[in-house]
Amino acid sequence: MPDIQSSYLQVLRDFVRSGSEDCRPYMDGLKPELHSLLPEDVITLHEKCMLRLLEDVNSTDADLYYKRSFLFLTEMVLLSRKREDVDRRDILIAHLKDKILNNANSFRTMSSKYENVLQHMDSGIALFDPEGFLSFANVKLGQFLGLPRKSMIGKTLYELIRMRKISKGMRRLLIKLHREMFLYRLPFQEVIDEKGQHFLVTAKYDEELDGDILISVKDVTDFKRIEQSAYYNDKLAMLGKIAASIAHEIRNPLTSIRGFIQLLQPELHKLGKQDYAEIILSEIDRANDIIFEFLNSSKPTAPVKEKVQISSLIKEIVLLFQSEAVLKGCDIQLGDSDPNLYVWVDVKQIKQVLLNLVKNAIEVISGVPGSYGLIRIRTMQVENQVWIYVEDNGAGMDQKTLSKLFDPFFTTKQDGTGLGLSVCYRIIKNHGGVIHVESEVGEGTSFRIQLPLN
């Protein structure tokens, strides 16, 4: 039987792969061996060989092989040893047909079920064959690339890169992935697209894949935000410990120095050195302000909330900066706001956040010579939240700057402390809200504050 099985498997493989509809050219070598077998023995032999044959084929080929193997098996049963009981032989052949059809339908159903699972995964899946052609792609991958799934099948990665519907940012990412994963064969890569979304791309080159390359792409933007939030919290907690230890160590000596300078002011005035005293006092006050801001960033006071009309709060901010904005060559526009929209907040703290954002926008715009600056503040209600936008058409920021924007002591200004936005982040968080920022170099920046209504 092992010799017959080996011969049968070879002939069966040749026939199902040939595409021919005529079995006779493939039967000659099997005739002597099959004449000694009963029909049920041929069926058992065929099933064993089919299992071996389907080990290394994909679902599409397997479905085709099953259909063609039915024709082959029918001819092989006719070659088997005849029985006197013709009726029994007919029953066996009918039973054989039903069994093969059931197996084919079962395989097709199982194949369809597995494909549906892959199509509806939250990760993008791509399978490249040994020649580099894309043989499978699920719906999610098409959404990530902005392409119809069927339009990608049969193309190489190089051809995908050249497709017109691919954005420039995504084209750069694909070129990078081609270099890192196809040429250097790195197992995973984390990339950021032009919109700031984080993707984890993994590649498998296992021997079990027979030379195919399996690529999975997962959007980990939310995980990164959670990780970043935990990172900020750790930094701010550390900042609080440092602040508590240095507060008295620095402010107490400064208070003493300020007091003695004030006592010496009359003597310095007699000597004509009054300017020295004023410089010392102003620098001490500046140091105290920095320390106060430092302490406030590490542990802002708990918000004392009150019900406030959001449109009136925004108007106050615009009025405070209107004249400064005109002097620095920019305009502040107030978008439409619902007068019936109220929110429970600590007015002083939310003002501090908005003042910081508008002040930063004015400074950024004034630093771009020859440009007309525009700052737009608008509000809207989204479900049970109020969203406040502060947008400008300044120089914008790259992804590296955006990733560190709320870090304590990170600043792009020459005379900045790097504490303003970290204070804003903590204040909004203490209100149960979130603050998002979107920016592109040369396109401007948009801050979005989301606060709960109640």
Protein backbone atom coordinates (compact mmCIF):
# COMPACT_ATOMS: atom_id res chain seq x y z
CA MET A 1 0.00 0.00 0.00
CA PRO A 2 2.78 2.56 0.71
CA ASP A 3 4.12 2.08 -2.85
CA ILE A 4 0.63 2.44 -4.31
CA GLN A 5 0.01 5.53 -2.18
CA SER A 6 3.23 7.16 -3.38
CA SER A 7 2.40 6.45 -7.03
CA TYR A 8 -1.23 7.54 -6.61
CA LEU A 9 -0.19 10.80 -4.91
CA GLN A 10 2.26 11.67 -7.70
CA VAL A 11 -0.28 11.00 -10.48
CA LEU A 12 -3.05 12.84 -8.58
CA ARG A 13 -0.78 15.86 -8.06
CA ASP A 14 0.17 15.98 -11.73
CA PHE A 15 -3.46 15.78 -12.87
CA VAL A 16 -5.00 18.44 -10.55
CA ARG A 17 -2.20 20.88 -11.38
CA SER A 18 -2.32 20.26 -15.12
CA GLY A 19 -5.73 21.84 -15.76
CA SER A 20 -6.60 18.97 -18.14
CA GLU A 21 -10.10 17.48 -18.22
CA ASP A 22 -8.92 14.07 -19.49
CA CYS A 23 -7.61 11.64 -16.86
CA ARG A 24 -6.65 8.83 -19.27
CA PRO A 25 -3.07 9.96 -20.03
CA TYR A 26 -2.38 9.87 -16.28
CA MET A 27 -3.98 6.48 -15.56
CA ASP A 28 -1.74 4.06 -17.43
CA GLY A 29 0.81 3.66 -14.66
CA LEU A 30 -1.89 3.00 -12.03
CA LYS A 31 -4.02 0.44 -13.89
CA PRO A 32 -2.14 -2.71 -12.76
CA GLU A 33 -2.09 -1.60 -9.11
CA LEU A 34 -5.73 -0.45 -8.96
CA HIS A 35 -7.09 -3.69 -10.44
CA SER A 36 -6.16 -5.38 -7.16
CA LEU A 37 -8.10 -2.86 -4.98
CA LEU A 38 -11.76 -2.69 -4.08
CA PRO A 39 -13.64 0.60 -4.63
CA GLU A 40 -13.72 1.39 -0.88
CA ASP A 41 -9.94 0.86 -0.73
CA VAL A 42 -9.50 3.36 -3.58
CA ILE A 43 -11.66 5.90 -1.71
CA THR A 44 -9.54 5.51 1.45
CA LEU A 45 -6.33 5.82 -0.58
CA HIS A 46 -7.66 8.92 -2.34
CA GLU A 47 -8.58 10.65 0.93
CA LYS A 48 -5.10 10.06 2.38
CA CYS A 49 -3.43 11.43 -0.73
CA MET A 50 -5.69 14.49 -0.82
CA LEU A 51 -4.74 15.36 2.77
CA ARG A 52 -1.07 15.19 1.80
CA LEU A 53 -1.67 17.22 -1.35
CA LEU A 54 -3.50 20.06 0.44
CA GLU A 55 -0.85 20.60 3.12
CA ASP A 56 1.03 23.24 1.14
CA VAL A 57 -1.63 25.01 -0.92
CA ASN A 58 -3.74 28.09 -0.30
CA SER A 59 -7.52 28.10 0.08
CA THR A 60 -8.25 29.07 -3.54
CA ASP A 61 -6.10 26.27 -5.00
CA ALA A 62 -7.45 23.77 -2.48
CA ASP A 63 -11.03 24.43 -3.59
CA LEU A 64 -10.01 23.89 -7.23
CA TYR A 65 -8.07 20.72 -6.38
CA TYR A 66 -11.10 19.25 -4.61
CA LYS A 67 -13.31 19.78 -7.65
CA ARG A 68 -10.78 18.23 -10.05
CA SER A 69 -10.02 15.33 -7.70
CA PHE A 70 -13.66 14.21 -7.92
CA LEU A 71 -13.27 13.58 -11.66
CA PHE A 72 -10.00 11.74 -11.04
CA LEU A 73 -11.44 9.55 -8.28
CA THR A 74 -14.45 8.58 -10.36
CA GLU A 75 -12.13 7.21 -13.08
CA MET A 76 -9.95 5.42 -10.51
CA VAL A 77 -12.91 3.65 -8.94
CA LEU A 78 -13.92 2.38 -12.37
CA LEU A 79 -10.43 0.83 -12.71
CA SER A 80 -10.69 -0.99 -9.38
CA ARG A 81 -11.49 -4.70 -9.01
CA LYS A 82 -15.01 -5.54 -10.18
CA ARG A 83 -17.55 -7.13 -7.88
CA GLU A 84 -20.40 -9.30 -8.90
CA ASP A 85 -22.71 -7.07 -6.89
CA VAL A 86 -23.21 -4.26 -9.40
CA ASP A 87 -25.88 -2.56 -7.31
CA ARG A 88 -23.46 -2.31 -4.38
CA ARG A 89 -20.88 -0.75 -6.70
CA ASP A 90 -23.38 1.89 -7.85
CA ILE A 91 -24.27 2.62 -4.21
CA LEU A 92 -20.59 3.05 -3.36
CA ILE A 93 -20.06 5.46 -6.25
CA ALA A 94 -23.12 7.50 -5.23
CA HIS A 95 -21.88 7.52 -1.64
CA LEU A 96 -18.46 8.60 -2.90
CA LYS A 97 -19.96 11.54 -4.80
CA ASP A 98 -21.87 12.72 -1.76
CA LYS A 99 -18.82 12.41 0.47
CA ILE A 100 -16.54 14.37 -1.87
CA LEU A 101 -19.14 17.09 -2.38
CA ASN A 102 -19.67 17.37 1.36
CA ASN A 103 -15.93 17.59 1.97
CA ALA A 104 -15.56 20.27 -0.72
CA ASN A 105 -18.45 22.30 0.70
CA SER A 106 -17.10 21.93 4.21
CA PHE A 107 -13.65 23.07 3.12
CA ARG A 108 -15.13 25.99 1.19
CA THR A 109 -17.22 27.05 4.22
CA MET A 110 -14.24 26.81 6.55
CA SER A 111 -12.05 28.74 4.10
CA SER A 112 -14.69 31.47 3.81
CA LYS A 113 -15.01 31.67 7.59
CA TYR A 114 -11.26 32.10 8.09
CA GLU A 115 -11.10 34.75 5.37
CA ASN A 116 -13.97 36.66 6.99
CA VAL A 117 -12.08 36.62 10.29
CA LEU A 118 -8.98 38.08 8.59
CA GLN A 119 -11.07 40.67 6.71
CA HIS A 120 -12.61 42.03 9.91
CA MET A 121 -9.52 42.15 12.10
CA ASP A 122 -8.52 45.55 13.52
CA SER A 123 -5.04 45.08 12.03
CA GLY A 124 -4.07 45.41 8.40
CA ILE A 125 -2.90 42.06 6.96
CA ALA A 126 -0.83 41.61 3.79
CA LEU A 127 0.73 38.45 2.35
CA PHE A 128 3.46 38.75 -0.27
CA ASP A 129 4.48 35.65 -2.24
CA PRO A 130 8.15 34.68 -2.81
CA GLU A 131 8.22 36.75 -6.03
CA GLY A 132 7.12 39.85 -4.10
CA PHE A 133 3.51 40.03 -5.36
CA LEU A 134 0.68 40.81 -2.95
CA SER A 135 -1.52 37.68 -2.80
CA PHE A 136 -3.82 38.71 0.06
CA ALA A 137 -4.85 42.01 1.70
CA ASN A 138 -7.70 42.62 4.11
CA VAL A 139 -10.12 45.56 4.30
CA LYS A 140 -8.26 47.29 7.14
CA LEU A 141 -5.04 47.47 5.14
CA GLY A 142 -6.93 49.16 2.31
CA GLN A 143 -8.30 51.72 4.80
CA PHE A 144 -4.80 52.46 6.13
CA LEU A 145 -3.43 52.98 2.62
CA GLY A 146 -6.53 54.73 1.28
CA LEU A 147 -6.88 52.18 -1.55
CA PRO A 148 -9.57 49.68 -2.59
CA ARG A 149 -8.50 46.24 -1.42
CA LYS A 150 -8.99 44.53 -4.79
CA SER A 151 -6.88 47.13 -6.60
CA MET A 152 -3.83 46.09 -4.55
CA ILE A 153 -3.93 42.32 -5.21
CA GLY A 154 -1.24 41.09 -7.60
CA LYS A 155 0.97 44.17 -7.25
CA THR A 156 4.46 44.42 -5.82
CA LEU A 157 5.25 46.89 -3.05
CA TYR A 158 7.06 49.04 -5.61
CA GLU A 159 3.91 49.14 -7.75
CA LEU A 160 1.82 50.05 -4.70
CA ILE A 161 4.17 52.96 -3.97
CA ARG A 162 3.64 54.29 -7.50
CA MET A 163 -0.18 54.20 -7.35
CA ARG A 164 -1.65 57.68 -7.77
CA LYS A 165 -4.11 57.45 -4.89
CA ILE A 166 -1.30 56.96 -2.36
CA SER A 167 -0.58 60.19 -0.44
CA LYS A 168 2.96 61.59 -0.37
CA GLY A 169 3.33 60.89 3.34
CA MET A 170 2.19 57.28 2.96
CA ARG A 171 4.48 56.86 -0.07
CA ARG A 172 7.47 57.90 2.07
CA LEU A 173 6.45 55.40 4.76
CA LEU A 174 6.14 52.57 2.22
CA ILE A 175 9.59 53.34 0.81
CA LYS A 176 11.00 53.22 4.34
CA LEU A 177 9.23 49.92 5.09
CA HIS A 178 10.48 48.43 1.81
CA ARG A 179 14.04 49.26 2.80
CA GLU A 180 13.75 48.14 6.43
CA MET A 181 11.66 44.98 6.02
CA PHE A 182 12.23 43.66 2.50
CA LEU A 183 15.91 44.53 2.16
CA TYR A 184 17.15 44.45 5.80
CA ARG A 185 14.44 41.96 6.92
CA LEU A 186 13.75 43.66 10.24
CA PRO A 187 10.97 41.91 12.19
CA PHE A 188 9.11 45.05 13.28
CA GLN A 189 9.06 48.79 12.71
CA GLU A 190 7.14 51.65 14.34
CA VAL A 191 6.22 54.50 12.01
CA ILE A 192 4.28 57.79 12.24
CA ASP A 193 2.24 59.03 9.29
CA GLU A 194 1.70 62.62 8.16
CA LYS A 195 -1.36 62.93 10.45
CA GLY A 196 0.57 61.90 13.55
CA GLN A 197 -0.91 58.40 13.74
CA HIS A 198 1.37 55.68 15.12
CA PHE A 199 1.53 52.30 13.35
CA LEU A 200 3.30 49.14 14.49
CA VAL A 201 4.34 47.08 11.46
CA THR A 202 5.51 43.50 11.96
CA ALA A 203 6.84 41.05 9.39
CA LYS A 204 7.17 37.26 9.57
CA TYR A 205 9.63 35.37 7.39
CA ASP A 206 9.08 31.89 8.91
CA GLU A 207 9.96 28.74 6.99
CA GLU A 208 6.36 27.61 7.52
CA LEU A 209 5.29 30.36 5.12
CA ASP A 210 7.33 28.75 2.27
CA GLY A 211 9.02 31.98 1.25
CA ASP A 212 5.96 34.20 1.69
CA ILE A 213 6.19 37.36 3.82
CA LEU A 214 3.31 38.08 6.21
CA ILE A 215 2.93 41.76 7.11
CA SER A 216 0.60 43.05 9.84
CA VAL A 217 -0.10 46.75 10.48
CA LYS A 218 -1.74 47.90 13.72
CA ASP A 219 -2.83 51.43 14.63
CA VAL A 220 -1.33 52.01 18.10
CA THR A 221 -2.13 55.74 18.30
CA ASP A 222 -4.42 55.31 21.33
CA PHE A 223 -1.85 53.15 23.11
CA LYS A 224 0.79 55.80 22.46
CA ARG A 225 -1.46 58.50 23.92
CA ILE A 226 -2.02 56.42 27.04
CA GLU A 227 1.70 55.75 27.28
CA GLN A 228 2.46 59.44 26.76
CA SER A 229 -0.11 60.42 29.39
CA ALA A 230 1.50 58.05 31.90
CA TYR A 231 4.90 59.47 30.95
CA TYR A 232 3.66 63.03 31.59
CA ASN A 233 2.17 62.00 34.92
CA ASP A 234 5.45 60.44 36.00
CA LYS A 235 7.34 63.57 35.01
CA LEU A 236 4.93 65.86 36.80
CA ALA A 237 5.02 63.67 39.92
CA MET A 238 8.81 63.90 39.89
CA LEU A 239 8.52 67.64 39.32
CA GLY A 240 6.27 67.94 42.38
CA LYS A 241 8.83 66.24 44.59
CA ILE A 242 11.61 68.50 43.33
CA ALA A 243 9.43 71.59 43.76
CA ALA A 244 8.50 70.73 47.34
CA SER A 245 12.15 70.31 48.29
CA ILE A 246 13.46 73.52 46.71
CA ALA A 247 10.58 75.92 47.44
CA HIS A 248 11.70 77.02 50.90
CA GLU A 249 15.38 76.67 50.03
CA ILE A 250 15.16 79.35 47.34
CA ARG A 251 12.23 81.62 48.20
CA ASN A 252 13.26 82.27 51.80
CA PRO A 253 16.74 83.61 50.90
CA LEU A 254 15.22 85.68 48.08
CA THR A 255 12.75 87.23 50.51
CA SER A 256 15.61 88.17 52.85
CA ILE A 257 17.67 89.65 49.99
CA ARG A 258 14.70 91.67 48.78
CA GLY A 259 14.09 93.06 52.25
CA PHE A 260 17.71 94.18 52.71
CA ILE A 261 17.84 95.77 49.24
CA GLN A 262 14.73 97.79 50.11
CA LEU A 263 16.44 98.94 53.30
CA LEU A 264 19.52 99.96 51.32
CA GLN A 265 17.56 101.87 48.69
CA PRO A 266 17.91 105.30 50.41
CA GLU A 267 21.68 104.87 50.68
CA LEU A 268 21.97 103.76 47.07
CA HIS A 269 19.86 106.75 46.05
CA LYS A 270 22.32 109.09 47.77
CA LEU A 271 25.17 107.47 45.86
CA GLY A 272 23.29 107.75 42.58
CA LYS A 273 22.99 104.00 42.27
CA GLN A 274 19.20 103.80 42.48
CA ASP A 275 19.12 101.94 39.15
CA TYR A 276 21.09 99.09 40.70
CA ALA A 277 18.48 98.61 43.40
CA GLU A 278 15.65 98.58 40.87
CA ILE A 279 17.44 96.01 38.70
CA ILE A 280 18.09 93.74 41.70
CA LEU A 281 14.47 93.99 42.87
CA SER A 282 13.07 93.31 39.39
CA GLU A 283 15.34 90.27 38.98
CA ILE A 284 14.30 88.95 42.40
CA ASP A 285 10.65 89.39 41.42
CA ARG A 286 11.35 87.57 38.16
CA ALA A 287 12.99 84.69 40.04
CA ASN A 288 9.97 84.54 42.37
CA ASP A 289 7.63 84.41 39.34
CA ILE A 290 9.60 81.52 37.84
CA ILE A 291 9.50 79.65 41.14
CA PHE A 292 5.75 80.30 41.45
CA GLU A 293 5.17 79.01 37.92
CA PHE A 294 7.38 76.04 38.68
CA LEU A 295 5.41 75.20 41.84
CA ASN A 296 2.11 75.72 40.04
CA SER A 297 3.12 73.36 37.24
CA SER A 298 3.96 70.61 39.69
CA LYS A 299 0.73 70.83 41.66
CA PRO A 300 -1.97 73.23 40.48
CA THR A 301 -4.63 73.95 43.07
CA ALA A 302 -7.84 71.94 42.86
CA PRO A 303 -10.33 73.71 40.57
CA VAL A 304 -13.08 75.71 42.28
CA LYS A 305 -15.78 75.29 39.67
CA GLU A 306 -18.62 77.63 38.84
CA LYS A 307 -21.13 77.84 36.02
CA VAL A 308 -19.91 80.22 33.32
CA GLN A 309 -21.08 81.22 29.86
CA ILE A 310 -18.38 79.98 27.51
CA SER A 311 -18.94 82.75 24.91
CA SER A 312 -18.37 85.52 27.48
CA LEU A 313 -15.21 83.81 28.73
CA ILE A 314 -13.80 83.67 25.19
CA LYS A 315 -14.72 87.33 24.55
CA GLU A 316 -12.73 88.40 27.62
CA ILE A 317 -9.65 86.59 26.29
CA VAL A 318 -10.02 88.28 22.88
CA LEU A 319 -10.37 91.74 24.47
CA LEU A 320 -7.27 91.21 26.61
CA PHE A 321 -5.08 90.48 23.58
CA GLN A 322 -6.72 92.61 20.88
CA SER A 323 -4.34 95.56 21.15
CA GLU A 324 -1.18 93.44 21.52
CA ALA A 325 -2.18 91.37 18.50
CA VAL A 326 -2.61 94.50 16.34
CA LEU A 327 0.80 95.80 17.42
CA LYS A 328 2.42 92.51 16.43
CA GLY A 329 0.72 92.31 13.04
CA CYS A 330 -1.97 89.72 13.59
CA ASP A 331 -5.73 89.56 13.95
CA ILE A 332 -7.82 87.60 16.46
CA GLN A 333 -11.13 86.32 15.14
CA LEU A 334 -13.91 85.00 17.33
CA GLY A 335 -15.97 82.26 15.74
CA ASP A 336 -19.68 81.72 16.28
CA SER A 337 -20.51 80.55 19.78
CA ASP A 338 -23.80 79.38 21.27
CA PRO A 339 -24.85 81.96 23.93
CA ASN A 340 -26.75 79.22 25.76
CA LEU A 341 -23.65 77.06 26.16
CA TYR A 342 -22.50 76.94 29.80
CA VAL A 343 -19.75 74.94 31.43
CA TRP A 344 -18.68 74.26 35.02
CA VAL A 345 -15.00 75.27 35.36
CA ASP A 346 -12.54 77.16 37.51
CA VAL A 347 -12.69 80.44 35.59
CA LYS A 348 -9.26 81.63 36.75
CA GLN A 349 -7.53 78.39 35.71
CA ILE A 350 -9.26 78.08 32.32
CA LYS A 351 -8.39 81.74 31.63
CA GLN A 352 -4.79 80.89 32.43
CA VAL A 353 -4.86 78.08 29.86
CA LEU A 354 -6.45 80.21 27.12
CA LEU A 355 -4.17 83.18 27.83
CA ASN A 356 -1.15 80.91 27.53
CA LEU A 357 -2.30 79.46 24.19
CA VAL A 358 -3.19 82.84 22.65
CA LYS A 359 0.04 84.41 23.91
CA ASN A 360 2.08 81.58 22.38
CA ALA A 361 0.21 81.98 19.07
CA ILE A 362 0.94 85.73 18.94
CA GLU A 363 4.62 85.17 19.69
CA VAL A 364 4.91 82.48 17.00
CA ILE A 365 3.17 84.62 14.37
CA SER A 366 5.21 87.74 15.19
CA GLY A 367 8.37 85.67 14.72
CA VAL A 368 7.53 85.06 11.04
CA PRO A 369 8.52 88.25 9.13
CA GLY A 370 6.37 89.53 6.29
CA SER A 371 3.35 87.33 7.09
CA TYR A 372 -0.19 88.31 8.07
CA GLY A 373 -1.07 86.50 11.26
CA LEU A 374 -4.50 85.14 12.04
CA ILE A 375 -5.65 83.59 15.31
CA ARG A 376 -9.12 82.06 15.39
CA ILE A 377 -10.95 81.02 18.56
CA ARG A 378 -14.16 79.02 18.24
CA THR A 379 -16.30 76.74 20.37
CA MET A 380 -18.81 73.97 19.76
CA GLN A 381 -20.78 71.40 21.69
CA VAL A 382 -20.03 67.75 20.92
CA GLU A 383 -22.36 65.42 22.82
CA ASN A 384 -21.73 66.11 26.53
CA GLN A 385 -18.55 68.12 25.97
CA VAL A 386 -17.60 71.63 24.92
CA TRP A 387 -14.71 71.89 22.48
CA ILE A 388 -12.62 75.07 22.38
CA TYR A 389 -10.31 75.60 19.40
CA VAL A 390 -7.36 78.00 19.35
CA GLU A 391 -5.93 78.01 15.82
CA ASP A 392 -3.19 80.03 14.15
CA ASN A 393 -1.53 80.25 10.74
CA GLY A 394 2.00 80.45 12.12
CA ALA A 395 5.08 78.42 11.24
CA GLY A 396 3.67 75.15 12.64
CA MET A 397 5.61 72.32 14.28
CA ASP A 398 7.12 69.01 13.23
CA GLN A 399 6.27 65.65 14.79
CA LYS A 400 9.36 65.66 16.99
CA THR A 401 8.34 68.96 18.60
CA LEU A 402 4.72 67.83 18.96
CA SER A 403 5.76 64.68 20.81
CA LYS A 404 7.52 66.76 23.52
CA LEU A 405 5.20 69.78 23.57
CA PHE A 406 3.69 69.18 27.02
CA ASP A 407 6.94 68.01 28.65
CA PRO A 408 8.05 70.19 31.59
CA PHE A 409 11.04 72.41 30.68
CA PHE A 410 10.70 71.73 26.94
CA THR A 411 10.59 75.01 25.02
CA THR A 412 11.44 76.37 21.58
CA LYS A 413 11.72 79.97 22.86
CA GLN A 414 15.04 81.52 23.78
CA ASP A 415 13.69 83.00 27.02
CA GLY A 416 10.99 80.40 27.78
CA THR A 417 10.81 78.25 30.91
CA GLY A 418 9.05 75.32 29.22
CA LEU A 419 6.42 75.19 31.97
CA GLY A 420 3.44 76.99 30.43
CA LEU A 421 1.98 74.13 28.39
CA SER A 422 2.69 71.55 31.07
CA VAL A 423 0.61 73.74 33.43
CA CYS A 424 -2.17 73.87 30.80
CA TYR A 425 -2.07 70.10 30.44
CA ARG A 426 -2.42 69.55 34.18
CA ILE A 427 -5.22 72.13 34.59
CA ILE A 428 -7.31 70.61 31.81
CA LYS A 429 -6.71 67.13 33.18
CA ASN A 430 -7.83 68.26 36.66
CA HIS A 431 -11.07 69.45 35.03
CA GLY A 432 -11.67 65.96 33.61
CA GLY A 433 -10.85 67.11 30.09
CA VAL A 434 -8.19 66.56 27.46
CA ILE A 435 -6.09 68.85 25.27
CA HIS A 436 -5.07 67.86 21.73
CA VAL A 437 -2.78 69.60 19.28
CA GLU A 438 -2.44 69.22 15.51
CA SER A 439 0.24 70.99 13.50
CA GLU A 440 2.14 70.88 10.23
CA VAL A 441 5.26 72.81 9.34
CA GLY A 442 4.26 75.87 7.33
CA GLU A 443 0.52 75.24 7.86
CA GLY A 444 -0.08 76.51 11.41
CA THR A 445 -1.23 74.90 14.65
CA SER A 446 -4.60 73.96 16.16
CA PHE A 447 -5.16 73.32 19.88
CA ARG A 448 -8.41 71.62 20.90
CA ILE A 449 -9.57 71.68 24.52
CA GLN A 450 -12.32 69.22 25.42
CA LEU A 451 -14.16 69.92 28.68
CA PRO A 452 -17.16 68.10 30.19
CA LEU A 453 -20.31 70.21 30.37
CA ASN A 454 -21.20 69.07 33.88
